[in-house]
Amino acid sequence: MRLIAVDGPSGSGKSTYAARLAEELGAALVPTDHFATWTDPVAWWPRLLGEVLEPLWCRREARYRRLDWTGGLPKLGEHVTVPVSEVLVVEGVSAARRSIAPRLDEAIWVELPDPEERLRRAVARDGEASREHLRRWQAFERGWFAVDGTKARADRIVTIT
């Protein structure tokens, strides 16, 4: 299975880009938003690894319980099945993290250079009540990306205008 990660800051257009890419490639798509929450932005990775990546690497269907991003609780009755496919796209903040880099076939960094525009887009997507959460999230992700070196390891950089 080819593994492609689409990473970059919130509000940059990752989800839209990844959905188009997955459709073009006939790939399965797993958003990290199904795992992350406001209070757990990146530590959920072992769950994605155990419930999604490892079964698919063994050519077995994967199944996981989707979390509600805002509350951090499982969405009732929402189990997601990921079929075995030739290509898997994992999309979201930390999808191309250093710990998975050796297993990635491609790391794509998606960016929108203007942080205020990214915030505006994210608020439009998540609602005005999310604005302060998003400000904290954007501060966290700046630190995460600096320490992880995500952009520097990207195979491709896509700039959204």
N, C-alpha and C. Protein backbone atom coordinates (compact mmCIF):
# COMPACT_ATOMS: atom_id res chain seq x y z
N MET A 1 0.85 -1.18 0.00
CA MET A 1 0.00 0.00 0.00
C MET A 1 0.89 1.24 0.00
N ARG A 2 0.59 2.17 -0.90
CA ARG A 2 1.27 3.46 -0.90
C ARG A 2 0.61 4.34 0.15
N LEU A 3 1.41 5.03 0.94
CA LEU A 3 0.90 5.92 1.98
C LEU A 3 1.32 7.35 1.68
N ILE A 4 0.32 8.21 1.54
CA ILE A 4 0.54 9.63 1.25
C ILE A 4 -0.02 10.43 2.41
N ALA A 5 0.77 11.35 2.93
CA ALA A 5 0.31 12.23 4.01
C ALA A 5 0.17 13.65 3.46
N VAL A 6 -0.96 14.28 3.79
CA VAL A 6 -1.20 15.67 3.43
C VAL A 6 -1.26 16.44 4.75
N ASP A 7 -0.29 17.31 4.95
CA ASP A 7 -0.12 17.99 6.23
C ASP A 7 -0.02 19.49 5.98
N GLY A 8 -0.06 20.26 7.04
CA GLY A 8 0.05 21.71 6.97
C GLY A 8 -0.83 22.35 8.01
N PRO A 9 -0.78 23.66 8.14
CA PRO A 9 -1.53 24.35 9.18
C PRO A 9 -3.04 24.33 8.94
N SER A 10 -3.77 24.51 10.03
CA SER A 10 -5.24 24.55 9.95
C SER A 10 -5.69 25.69 9.06
N GLY A 11 -6.77 25.44 8.34
CA GLY A 11 -7.33 26.47 7.46
C GLY A 11 -6.57 26.68 6.17
N SER A 12 -5.60 25.82 5.87
CA SER A 12 -4.78 26.02 4.67
C SER A 12 -5.35 25.39 3.41
N GLY A 13 -6.34 24.51 3.56
CA GLY A 13 -6.93 23.85 2.41
C GLY A 13 -6.54 22.38 2.28
N LYS A 14 -5.98 21.80 3.34
CA LYS A 14 -5.55 20.40 3.32
C LYS A 14 -6.68 19.44 2.98
N SER A 15 -7.81 19.62 3.65
CA SER A 15 -8.93 18.68 3.47
C SER A 15 -9.43 18.68 2.03
N THR A 16 -9.58 19.86 1.47
CA THR A 16 -10.04 19.97 0.08
C THR A 16 -9.02 19.36 -0.87
N TYR A 17 -7.76 19.68 -0.66
CA TYR A 17 -6.70 19.15 -1.51
C TYR A 17 -6.65 17.62 -1.41
N ALA A 18 -6.69 17.10 -0.18
CA ALA A 18 -6.59 15.65 0.03
C ALA A 18 -7.79 14.91 -0.57
N ALA A 19 -8.98 15.49 -0.46
CA ALA A 19 -10.17 14.84 -1.04
C ALA A 19 -10.04 14.74 -2.55
N ARG A 20 -9.57 15.80 -3.19
CA ARG A 20 -9.36 15.76 -4.65
C ARG A 20 -8.29 14.73 -5.02
N LEU A 21 -7.20 14.73 -4.27
CA LEU A 21 -6.12 13.80 -4.54
C LEU A 21 -6.60 12.35 -4.39
N ALA A 22 -7.30 12.06 -3.31
CA ALA A 22 -7.81 10.71 -3.08
C ALA A 22 -8.75 10.28 -4.20
N GLU A 23 -9.60 11.19 -4.63
CA GLU A 23 -10.52 10.87 -5.72
C GLU A 23 -9.74 10.58 -7.01
N GLU A 24 -8.78 11.42 -7.33
CA GLU A 24 -7.96 11.22 -8.54
C GLU A 24 -7.23 9.89 -8.52
N LEU A 25 -6.75 9.48 -7.34
CA LEU A 25 -5.96 8.26 -7.21
C LEU A 25 -6.80 7.01 -6.92
N GLY A 26 -8.10 7.21 -6.68
CA GLY A 26 -8.95 6.09 -6.26
C GLY A 26 -8.51 5.55 -4.91
N ALA A 27 -8.05 6.45 -4.05
CA ALA A 27 -7.47 6.09 -2.76
C ALA A 27 -8.49 6.22 -1.63
N ALA A 28 -8.25 5.48 -0.57
CA ALA A 28 -8.98 5.67 0.67
C ALA A 28 -8.43 6.93 1.34
N LEU A 29 -9.27 7.60 2.12
CA LEU A 29 -8.89 8.84 2.78
C LEU A 29 -9.25 8.77 4.26
N VAL A 30 -8.28 9.06 5.12
CA VAL A 30 -8.53 9.10 6.56
C VAL A 30 -8.08 10.46 7.07
N PRO A 31 -9.04 11.27 7.57
CA PRO A 31 -8.68 12.57 8.15
C PRO A 31 -8.25 12.43 9.61
N THR A 32 -7.20 13.12 9.99
CA THR A 32 -6.78 13.08 11.38
C THR A 32 -7.81 13.76 12.29
N ASP A 33 -8.69 14.58 11.70
CA ASP A 33 -9.78 15.19 12.49
C ASP A 33 -10.69 14.13 13.11
N HIS A 34 -10.67 12.92 12.60
CA HIS A 34 -11.47 11.84 13.20
C HIS A 34 -10.84 11.34 14.49
N PHE A 35 -9.61 11.74 14.78
CA PHE A 35 -8.88 11.28 15.96
C PHE A 35 -8.53 12.42 16.91
N ALA A 36 -8.14 13.58 16.37
CA ALA A 36 -7.69 14.71 17.19
C ALA A 36 -8.86 15.43 17.85
N THR A 37 -8.55 16.12 18.92
CA THR A 37 -9.54 16.98 19.60
C THR A 37 -8.82 18.25 20.03
N TRP A 38 -9.59 19.22 20.50
CA TRP A 38 -8.98 20.47 20.98
C TRP A 38 -7.96 20.17 22.07
N THR A 39 -8.26 19.19 22.92
CA THR A 39 -7.39 18.91 24.06
C THR A 39 -6.34 17.84 23.77
N ASP A 40 -6.45 17.17 22.64
CA ASP A 40 -5.48 16.15 22.26
C ASP A 40 -5.12 16.32 20.79
N PRO A 41 -4.29 17.32 20.49
CA PRO A 41 -4.02 17.62 19.09
C PRO A 41 -3.14 16.60 18.37
N VAL A 42 -2.27 15.87 19.07
CA VAL A 42 -1.37 14.95 18.37
C VAL A 42 -1.09 13.62 19.08
N ALA A 43 -1.41 13.48 20.35
CA ALA A 43 -1.04 12.27 21.10
C ALA A 43 -1.89 11.05 20.75
N TRP A 44 -2.90 11.21 19.96
CA TRP A 44 -3.79 10.11 19.54
C TRP A 44 -3.14 9.20 18.51
N TRP A 45 -1.95 9.53 18.02
CA TRP A 45 -1.32 8.80 16.91
C TRP A 45 -1.29 7.27 17.09
N PRO A 46 -0.97 6.73 18.28
CA PRO A 46 -0.97 5.26 18.40
C PRO A 46 -2.31 4.62 18.02
N ARG A 47 -3.39 5.32 18.25
CA ARG A 47 -4.71 4.79 17.86
C ARG A 47 -4.83 4.70 16.35
N LEU A 48 -4.41 5.73 15.63
CA LEU A 48 -4.45 5.70 14.16
C LEU A 48 -3.54 4.58 13.65
N LEU A 49 -2.40 4.45 14.24
CA LEU A 49 -1.44 3.42 13.84
C LEU A 49 -2.04 2.02 14.04
N GLY A 50 -2.57 1.76 15.24
CA GLY A 50 -3.09 0.44 15.56
C GLY A 50 -4.40 0.09 14.89
N GLU A 51 -5.28 1.06 14.75
CA GLU A 51 -6.61 0.78 14.22
C GLU A 51 -6.71 0.94 12.70
N VAL A 52 -5.81 1.71 12.11
CA VAL A 52 -5.92 1.98 10.67
C VAL A 52 -4.68 1.49 9.91
N LEU A 53 -3.53 2.04 10.21
CA LEU A 53 -2.34 1.75 9.40
C LEU A 53 -1.89 0.29 9.49
N GLU A 54 -1.77 -0.23 10.69
CA GLU A 54 -1.28 -1.60 10.83
C GLU A 54 -2.20 -2.62 10.14
N PRO A 55 -3.51 -2.56 10.33
CA PRO A 55 -4.35 -3.51 9.59
C PRO A 55 -4.21 -3.37 8.07
N LEU A 56 -4.17 -2.15 7.58
CA LEU A 56 -4.06 -1.95 6.13
C LEU A 56 -2.71 -2.43 5.61
N TRP A 57 -1.63 -2.23 6.37
CA TRP A 57 -0.33 -2.75 5.95
C TRP A 57 -0.36 -4.28 5.88
N CYS A 58 -1.22 -4.91 6.69
CA CYS A 58 -1.36 -6.37 6.67
C CYS A 58 -2.44 -6.82 5.68
N ARG A 59 -2.91 -5.87 4.86
CA ARG A 59 -3.93 -6.12 3.83
C ARG A 59 -5.26 -6.57 4.45
N ARG A 60 -5.58 -5.99 5.62
CA ARG A 60 -6.86 -6.23 6.27
C ARG A 60 -7.62 -4.92 6.35
N GLU A 61 -8.92 -4.98 6.20
CA GLU A 61 -9.78 -3.81 6.35
C GLU A 61 -9.56 -3.20 7.74
N ALA A 62 -9.62 -1.89 7.81
CA ALA A 62 -9.45 -1.19 9.09
C ALA A 62 -10.81 -0.66 9.55
N ARG A 63 -10.95 -0.51 10.85
CA ARG A 63 -12.20 0.01 11.41
C ARG A 63 -11.84 0.80 12.67
N TYR A 64 -12.40 2.01 12.75
CA TYR A 64 -12.14 2.83 13.93
C TYR A 64 -13.40 3.61 14.29
N ARG A 65 -13.42 4.07 15.52
CA ARG A 65 -14.53 4.88 16.01
C ARG A 65 -14.14 6.34 15.90
N ARG A 66 -14.93 7.09 15.18
CA ARG A 66 -14.67 8.51 14.95
C ARG A 66 -14.99 9.32 16.20
N LEU A 67 -14.10 10.27 16.52
CA LEU A 67 -14.35 11.16 17.65
C LEU A 67 -15.01 12.44 17.18
N ASP A 68 -15.77 13.03 18.08
CA ASP A 68 -16.29 14.37 17.84
C ASP A 68 -15.16 15.34 18.16
N TRP A 69 -14.71 16.02 17.15
CA TRP A 69 -13.57 16.93 17.25
C TRP A 69 -13.70 17.90 18.43
N THR A 70 -14.87 18.51 18.59
CA THR A 70 -15.01 19.58 19.58
C THR A 70 -15.12 19.07 21.01
N GLY A 71 -15.78 17.92 21.21
CA GLY A 71 -15.98 17.42 22.56
C GLY A 71 -15.03 16.32 22.96
N GLY A 72 -14.39 15.69 21.98
CA GLY A 72 -13.45 14.63 22.27
C GLY A 72 -14.09 13.30 22.61
N LEU A 73 -15.40 13.20 22.43
CA LEU A 73 -16.10 11.95 22.74
C LEU A 73 -16.40 11.20 21.45
N PRO A 74 -16.49 9.86 21.53
CA PRO A 74 -16.84 9.11 20.32
C PRO A 74 -18.21 9.52 19.81
N LYS A 75 -18.32 9.62 18.49
CA LYS A 75 -19.62 9.89 17.89
C LYS A 75 -20.42 8.60 17.97
N LEU A 76 -21.58 8.67 18.58
CA LEU A 76 -22.39 7.47 18.79
C LEU A 76 -22.70 6.80 17.47
N GLY A 77 -22.41 5.52 17.41
CA GLY A 77 -22.71 4.73 16.22
C GLY A 77 -21.84 5.03 15.02
N GLU A 78 -20.85 5.89 15.16
CA GLU A 78 -20.03 6.25 14.00
C GLU A 78 -18.72 5.49 13.99
N HIS A 79 -18.79 4.33 13.38
CA HIS A 79 -17.59 3.56 13.11
C HIS A 79 -17.26 3.76 11.64
N VAL A 80 -16.01 3.94 11.35
CA VAL A 80 -15.56 4.15 9.98
C VAL A 80 -14.79 2.91 9.54
N THR A 81 -15.15 2.40 8.38
CA THR A 81 -14.44 1.27 7.80
C THR A 81 -13.58 1.78 6.66
N VAL A 82 -12.34 1.38 6.66
CA VAL A 82 -11.40 1.78 5.60
C VAL A 82 -11.03 0.51 4.83
N PRO A 83 -11.43 0.44 3.57
CA PRO A 83 -11.14 -0.76 2.79
C PRO A 83 -9.65 -0.86 2.43
N VAL A 84 -9.23 -2.06 2.19
CA VAL A 84 -7.87 -2.28 1.69
C VAL A 84 -7.81 -1.64 0.30
N SER A 85 -6.80 -0.84 0.07
CA SER A 85 -6.64 -0.19 -1.23
C SER A 85 -5.15 -0.08 -1.55
N GLU A 86 -4.88 0.25 -2.77
CA GLU A 86 -3.48 0.38 -3.19
C GLU A 86 -2.85 1.66 -2.63
N VAL A 87 -3.70 2.68 -2.35
CA VAL A 87 -3.20 3.97 -1.86
C VAL A 87 -4.08 4.43 -0.70
N LEU A 88 -3.45 4.93 0.34
CA LEU A 88 -4.15 5.55 1.46
C LEU A 88 -3.63 6.96 1.60
N VAL A 89 -4.54 7.92 1.71
CA VAL A 89 -4.19 9.31 1.99
C VAL A 89 -4.62 9.60 3.43
N VAL A 90 -3.67 10.02 4.25
CA VAL A 90 -3.95 10.47 5.61
C VAL A 90 -3.78 11.97 5.59
N GLU A 91 -4.80 12.68 6.05
CA GLU A 91 -4.82 14.15 5.92
C GLU A 91 -5.05 14.80 7.26
N GLY A 92 -4.25 15.82 7.54
CA GLY A 92 -4.48 16.63 8.73
C GLY A 92 -3.17 17.04 9.39
N VAL A 93 -3.32 17.91 10.38
CA VAL A 93 -2.15 18.38 11.13
C VAL A 93 -1.48 17.18 11.78
N SER A 94 -0.24 16.99 11.51
CA SER A 94 0.66 15.95 12.02
C SER A 94 0.60 14.65 11.22
N ALA A 95 -0.11 14.63 10.10
CA ALA A 95 -0.20 13.41 9.28
C ALA A 95 1.17 12.98 8.75
N ALA A 96 2.07 13.93 8.52
CA ALA A 96 3.40 13.61 7.99
C ALA A 96 4.46 13.70 9.08
N ARG A 97 4.07 13.47 10.31
CA ARG A 97 4.99 13.59 11.45
C ARG A 97 6.25 12.76 11.27
N ARG A 98 7.27 13.19 11.94
CA ARG A 98 8.59 12.57 11.81
C ARG A 98 8.54 11.05 12.07
N SER A 99 7.73 10.60 13.02
CA SER A 99 7.72 9.18 13.37
C SER A 99 7.20 8.28 12.25
N ILE A 100 6.42 8.81 11.33
CA ILE A 100 5.89 8.01 10.22
C ILE A 100 6.68 8.25 8.93
N ALA A 101 7.55 9.22 8.91
CA ALA A 101 8.26 9.60 7.69
C ALA A 101 8.91 8.43 6.95
N PRO A 102 9.55 7.48 7.64
CA PRO A 102 10.17 6.37 6.90
C PRO A 102 9.16 5.48 6.15
N ARG A 103 7.91 5.50 6.57
CA ARG A 103 6.88 4.65 5.93
C ARG A 103 6.10 5.39 4.85
N LEU A 104 6.30 6.71 4.74
CA LEU A 104 5.55 7.50 3.76
C LEU A 104 6.13 7.35 2.36
N ASP A 105 5.25 7.21 1.40
CA ASP A 105 5.67 7.25 0.00
C ASP A 105 5.72 8.68 -0.49
N GLU A 106 4.91 9.54 0.11
CA GLU A 106 4.94 10.96 -0.24
C GLU A 106 4.37 11.78 0.91
N ALA A 107 5.06 12.87 1.23
CA ALA A 107 4.58 13.85 2.21
C ALA A 107 4.30 15.14 1.45
N ILE A 108 3.07 15.61 1.57
CA ILE A 108 2.66 16.84 0.88
C ILE A 108 2.33 17.89 1.94
N TRP A 109 2.95 19.04 1.80
CA TRP A 109 2.71 20.17 2.71
C TRP A 109 1.81 21.15 1.97
N VAL A 110 0.66 21.47 2.58
CA VAL A 110 -0.27 22.43 2.00
C VAL A 110 -0.25 23.66 2.89
N GLU A 111 -0.06 24.82 2.26
CA GLU A 111 0.01 26.04 3.06
C GLU A 111 -0.77 27.18 2.41
N LEU A 112 -1.24 28.03 3.24
CA LEU A 112 -1.82 29.31 2.87
C LEU A 112 -1.03 30.31 3.71
N PRO A 113 -0.18 31.12 3.09
CA PRO A 113 0.78 31.93 3.85
C PRO A 113 0.18 32.92 4.86
N ASP A 114 -0.99 33.43 4.63
CA ASP A 114 -1.57 34.45 5.50
C ASP A 114 -2.29 33.81 6.69
N PRO A 115 -1.74 33.92 7.91
CA PRO A 115 -2.36 33.29 9.08
C PRO A 115 -3.75 33.83 9.40
N GLU A 116 -4.00 35.10 9.13
CA GLU A 116 -5.34 35.65 9.38
C GLU A 116 -6.37 35.06 8.43
N GLU A 117 -5.98 34.83 7.19
CA GLU A 117 -6.88 34.19 6.23
C GLU A 117 -7.13 32.74 6.62
N ARG A 118 -6.11 32.06 7.10
CA ARG A 118 -6.30 30.68 7.57
C ARG A 118 -7.27 30.65 8.74
N LEU A 119 -7.13 31.61 9.66
CA LEU A 119 -8.04 31.68 10.80
C LEU A 119 -9.46 31.97 10.31
N ARG A 120 -9.59 32.90 9.38
CA ARG A 120 -10.92 33.22 8.85
C ARG A 120 -11.58 31.99 8.23
N ARG A 121 -10.81 31.24 7.44
CA ARG A 121 -11.35 30.04 6.80
C ARG A 121 -11.73 28.98 7.83
N ALA A 122 -10.88 28.80 8.83
CA ALA A 122 -11.16 27.79 9.85
C ALA A 122 -12.40 28.15 10.66
N VAL A 123 -12.57 29.43 10.98
CA VAL A 123 -13.76 29.88 11.71
C VAL A 123 -15.00 29.70 10.83
N ALA A 124 -14.87 29.99 9.54
CA ALA A 124 -16.00 29.79 8.63
C ALA A 124 -16.40 28.32 8.59
N ARG A 125 -15.43 27.45 8.67
CA ARG A 125 -15.68 26.00 8.64
C ARG A 125 -16.25 25.50 9.95
N ASP A 126 -15.66 25.94 11.09
CA ASP A 126 -15.99 25.37 12.40
C ASP A 126 -16.97 26.19 13.23
N GLY A 127 -17.24 27.44 12.81
CA GLY A 127 -18.18 28.28 13.55
C GLY A 127 -17.46 29.29 14.43
N GLU A 128 -18.13 30.39 14.65
CA GLU A 128 -17.56 31.50 15.44
C GLU A 128 -17.18 31.06 16.85
N ALA A 129 -17.92 30.13 17.43
CA ALA A 129 -17.63 29.67 18.79
C ALA A 129 -16.25 28.99 18.88
N SER A 130 -15.71 28.61 17.76
CA SER A 130 -14.41 27.92 17.75
C SER A 130 -13.22 28.86 17.65
N ARG A 131 -13.46 30.16 17.48
CA ARG A 131 -12.37 31.11 17.21
C ARG A 131 -11.24 31.03 18.24
N GLU A 132 -11.54 31.07 19.53
CA GLU A 132 -10.48 31.05 20.54
C GLU A 132 -9.77 29.69 20.58
N HIS A 133 -10.53 28.61 20.40
CA HIS A 133 -9.90 27.29 20.30
C HIS A 133 -8.93 27.27 19.13
N LEU A 134 -9.36 27.83 18.01
CA LEU A 134 -8.52 27.85 16.81
C LEU A 134 -7.27 28.70 17.00
N ARG A 135 -7.39 29.79 17.71
CA ARG A 135 -6.19 30.62 17.99
C ARG A 135 -5.17 29.80 18.80
N ARG A 136 -5.66 29.09 19.82
CA ARG A 136 -4.77 28.25 20.63
C ARG A 136 -4.19 27.12 19.78
N TRP A 137 -5.05 26.53 18.96
CA TRP A 137 -4.61 25.43 18.08
C TRP A 137 -3.52 25.92 17.13
N GLN A 138 -3.71 27.08 16.52
CA GLN A 138 -2.71 27.60 15.58
C GLN A 138 -1.39 27.89 16.27
N ALA A 139 -1.44 28.35 17.52
CA ALA A 139 -0.20 28.56 18.27
C ALA A 139 0.48 27.21 18.53
N PHE A 140 -0.32 26.21 18.91
CA PHE A 140 0.24 24.88 19.13
C PHE A 140 0.89 24.33 17.86
N GLU A 141 0.16 24.41 16.74
CA GLU A 141 0.69 23.80 15.52
C GLU A 141 1.96 24.50 15.03
N ARG A 142 2.08 25.80 15.25
CA ARG A 142 3.33 26.48 14.88
C ARG A 142 4.51 25.85 15.61
N GLY A 143 4.33 25.61 16.90
CA GLY A 143 5.38 24.96 17.69
C GLY A 143 5.61 23.53 17.25
N TRP A 144 4.54 22.81 17.01
CA TRP A 144 4.65 21.41 16.56
C TRP A 144 5.46 21.32 15.27
N PHE A 145 5.08 22.13 14.27
CA PHE A 145 5.76 22.07 12.99
C PHE A 145 7.23 22.48 13.10
N ALA A 146 7.51 23.44 13.96
CA ALA A 146 8.91 23.88 14.14
C ALA A 146 9.76 22.76 14.72
N VAL A 147 9.24 22.07 15.72
CA VAL A 147 9.99 20.99 16.37
C VAL A 147 10.05 19.76 15.47
N ASP A 148 8.93 19.43 14.83
CA ASP A 148 8.86 18.23 14.00
C ASP A 148 9.59 18.39 12.66
N GLY A 149 9.72 19.62 12.18
CA GLY A 149 10.38 19.84 10.89
C GLY A 149 9.57 19.34 9.70
N THR A 150 8.27 19.34 9.84
CA THR A 150 7.37 18.74 8.86
C THR A 150 7.56 19.30 7.45
N LYS A 151 7.51 20.61 7.31
CA LYS A 151 7.61 21.23 5.99
C LYS A 151 8.94 20.91 5.31
N ALA A 152 10.01 20.91 6.08
CA ALA A 152 11.34 20.66 5.52
C ALA A 152 11.47 19.25 4.94
N ARG A 153 10.68 18.30 5.45
CA ARG A 153 10.73 16.92 4.95
C ARG A 153 9.74 16.66 3.82
N ALA A 154 8.90 17.63 3.48
CA ALA A 154 7.87 17.41 2.47
C ALA A 154 8.47 17.12 1.10
N ASP A 155 7.84 16.20 0.41
CA ASP A 155 8.24 15.89 -0.97
C ASP A 155 7.67 16.91 -1.94
N ARG A 156 6.55 17.50 -1.54
CA ARG A 156 5.88 18.48 -2.41
C ARG A 156 5.26 19.55 -1.51
N ILE A 157 5.37 20.79 -1.94
CA ILE A 157 4.73 21.91 -1.22
C ILE A 157 3.69 22.51 -2.15
N VAL A 158 2.48 22.61 -1.64
CA VAL A 158 1.37 23.19 -2.40
C VAL A 158 0.96 24.47 -1.69
N THR A 159 1.01 25.58 -2.40
CA THR A 159 0.61 26.86 -1.82
C THR A 159 -0.76 27.22 -2.37
N ILE A 160 -1.69 27.44 -1.45
CA ILE A 160 -3.07 27.82 -1.80
C ILE A 160 -3.14 29.34 -1.75
N THR A 161 -3.80 29.92 -2.72
CA THR A 161 -3.93 31.38 -2.74
C THR A 161 -5.37 31.80 -2.54
